Amino acid sequence: GCPGDNDPIDVIELGTRQRPTGSITRVKIIGLIAMIDADETDWKVLTIALDDDRAPNIQDLSDLDAHMPGVTAALTHWLRYYKTAEGKDENKFGCGGKPQGAAFATRIVEETHEAWKKLLADRKSEGSLRRVGSSTIATV
């Protein structure tokens, strides 16, 4: 399997418009890359903005590769090597090293959302929640 790392998922929007970091954008899920970080899966959910001109034609990774040739391979390559600039090792990938399609990615997003809701529901018995940067951390 591909167990998660209990961190929030990362969403990568692959559309043609440049958006400000942290912007809130309606997207559709088209796939997922399971990057391994410290022996745990760091989910990278691949999306396209609903207002992107190509969005009506892209439903899954096969559509992405047909309408934006090479983008999945280029992104995977970048994710593999981007930490090497800091002197770290190459990243590895779960799920057999293959990006997964929209159905699998949607299940991961749903599971992560359920885990987040459980964290909120259990906060009184396990401690409190506090914000650190853009993350919510449970303290016990």
Protein backbone atom coordinates (compact mmCIF):
# COMPACT_ATOMS: atom_id res chain seq x y z
CA GLY A 1 0.00 0.00 0.00
CA CYS A 2 0.81 3.66 0.11
CA PRO A 3 0.31 4.86 3.71
CA GLY A 4 0.08 8.62 4.19
CA ASP A 5 2.28 10.78 6.39
CA ASN A 6 -0.54 12.39 8.42
CA ASP A 7 0.31 15.78 6.89
CA PRO A 8 -2.16 17.74 4.80
CA ILE A 9 -2.21 16.78 1.17
CA ASP A 10 -0.50 19.02 -1.37
CA VAL A 11 -2.56 20.21 -4.33
CA ILE A 12 -0.83 21.07 -7.59
CA GLU A 13 -2.93 22.99 -10.11
CA LEU A 14 -1.70 22.25 -13.63
CA GLY A 15 -3.69 24.80 -15.60
CA THR A 16 -2.50 27.50 -17.94
CA ARG A 17 -3.17 30.54 -15.72
CA GLN A 18 -0.73 31.89 -13.17
CA ARG A 19 -2.35 32.32 -9.75
CA PRO A 20 -1.10 33.86 -6.53
CA THR A 21 0.34 31.43 -3.98
CA GLY A 22 -2.38 30.45 -1.52
CA SER A 23 -5.23 31.48 -3.79
CA ILE A 24 -8.52 29.66 -3.39
CA THR A 25 -9.42 28.14 -6.74
CA ARG A 26 -12.16 25.68 -7.67
CA VAL A 27 -10.45 22.65 -9.21
CA LYS A 28 -11.18 19.15 -10.37
CA ILE A 29 -9.01 16.23 -9.38
CA ILE A 30 -7.27 14.51 -12.28
CA GLY A 31 -4.64 12.38 -10.56
CA LEU A 32 -2.12 11.94 -7.80
CA ILE A 33 1.59 11.34 -7.28
CA ALA A 34 2.64 9.48 -4.13
CA MET A 35 5.99 11.03 -3.28
CA ILE A 36 7.92 9.36 -0.45
CA ASP A 37 9.36 11.74 2.13
CA ALA A 38 11.08 10.29 5.22
CA ASP A 39 9.60 6.85 4.44
CA GLU A 40 6.03 8.17 4.42
CA THR A 41 3.79 9.06 1.52
CA ASP A 42 3.48 12.78 0.78
CA TRP A 43 0.40 12.99 -1.46
CA LYS A 44 0.58 15.37 -4.43
CA VAL A 45 -2.94 15.76 -5.82
CA LEU A 46 -2.94 16.84 -9.46
CA THR A 47 -5.77 19.18 -10.43
CA ILE A 48 -6.92 21.62 -13.07
CA ALA A 49 -8.88 24.79 -12.34
CA LEU A 50 -12.49 24.62 -13.40
CA ASP A 51 -12.13 27.99 -15.15
CA ASP A 52 -9.14 26.81 -17.22
CA ASP A 53 -9.76 26.67 -20.97
CA ARG A 54 -8.56 23.05 -21.08
CA ALA A 55 -10.61 21.84 -18.08
CA PRO A 56 -13.62 20.61 -20.10
CA ASN A 57 -11.31 18.22 -21.99
CA ILE A 58 -9.26 16.93 -19.03
CA GLN A 59 -10.89 14.39 -16.70
CA ASP A 60 -7.98 12.06 -15.89
CA LEU A 61 -4.23 11.62 -16.40
CA SER A 62 -4.68 10.16 -19.89
CA ASP A 63 -6.53 13.34 -20.91
CA LEU A 64 -3.84 15.48 -19.29
CA ASP A 65 -1.13 13.75 -21.29
CA ALA A 66 -3.18 14.06 -24.49
CA HIS A 67 -3.86 17.80 -24.08
CA MET A 68 -0.66 18.80 -22.27
CA PRO A 69 1.94 16.31 -23.53
CA GLY A 70 4.81 15.60 -21.17
CA VAL A 71 3.45 17.54 -18.17
CA THR A 72 3.05 14.46 -15.93
CA ALA A 73 6.56 13.22 -16.73
CA ALA A 74 8.05 16.71 -16.24
CA LEU A 75 6.32 17.17 -12.90
CA THR A 76 7.41 13.74 -11.68
CA HIS A 77 10.97 14.53 -12.76
CA TRP A 78 10.91 17.86 -10.90
CA LEU A 79 9.47 16.24 -7.75
CA ARG A 80 12.18 13.57 -7.87
CA TYR A 81 15.07 16.06 -8.04
CA TYR A 82 14.02 19.38 -6.47
CA LYS A 83 15.50 18.61 -3.04
CA THR A 84 18.89 17.68 -4.51
CA ALA A 85 19.63 21.42 -4.86
CA GLU A 86 19.75 21.46 -1.03
CA GLY A 87 22.17 18.53 -0.99
CA LYS A 88 19.44 16.00 -0.15
CA ASP A 89 18.84 12.67 -1.87
CA GLU A 90 16.41 12.21 -4.74
CA ASN A 91 12.81 11.69 -3.73
CA LYS A 92 11.23 8.29 -4.29
CA PHE A 93 7.66 7.45 -5.19
CA GLY A 94 5.02 5.07 -3.86
CA CYS A 95 2.36 3.19 -5.79
CA GLY A 96 4.95 1.46 -7.93
CA GLY A 97 6.42 4.80 -8.98
CA LYS A 98 3.41 5.52 -11.19
CA PRO A 99 1.07 8.49 -10.97
CA GLN A 100 -2.49 7.40 -10.15
CA GLY A 101 -5.69 8.49 -11.87
CA ALA A 102 -8.63 10.62 -10.77
CA ALA A 103 -10.60 7.83 -9.05
CA PHE A 104 -7.69 6.82 -6.80
CA ALA A 105 -6.82 10.45 -6.08
CA THR A 106 -10.42 11.22 -5.13
CA ARG A 107 -10.41 8.32 -2.64
CA ILE A 108 -7.22 9.65 -1.03
CA VAL A 109 -8.72 13.16 -0.74
CA GLU A 110 -11.87 11.71 0.83
CA GLU A 111 -9.87 9.59 3.30
CA THR A 112 -7.72 12.60 4.23
CA HIS A 113 -10.83 14.73 4.73
CA GLU A 114 -12.36 12.10 7.00
CA ALA A 115 -9.13 11.94 9.04
CA TRP A 116 -9.20 15.74 9.40
CA LYS A 117 -12.83 15.68 10.55
CA LYS A 118 -11.95 12.99 13.11
CA LEU A 119 -9.03 15.08 14.35
CA LEU A 120 -11.40 17.99 14.93
CA ALA A 121 -13.97 15.77 16.64
CA ASP A 122 -11.34 14.21 18.93
CA ARG A 123 -9.56 17.44 19.88
CA LYS A 124 -11.13 17.67 23.32
CA SER A 125 -9.98 14.19 24.36
CA GLU A 126 -6.53 14.42 22.78
CA GLY A 127 -5.55 18.02 23.51
CA SER A 128 -6.03 21.21 21.59
CA LEU A 129 -5.42 22.43 18.08
CA ARG A 130 -3.25 25.37 17.17
CA ARG A 131 -2.27 26.96 13.88
CA VAL A 132 1.39 27.07 12.90
CA GLY A 133 1.83 28.83 9.57
CA SER A 134 -0.61 27.19 7.21
CA SER A 135 -0.87 23.94 9.20
CA THR A 136 -3.09 22.86 12.08
CA ILE A 137 -1.24 20.90 14.75
CA ALA A 138 -2.74 18.80 17.55
CA THR A 139 -1.02 19.23 20.89
CA VAL A 140 -1.33 16.55 23.57
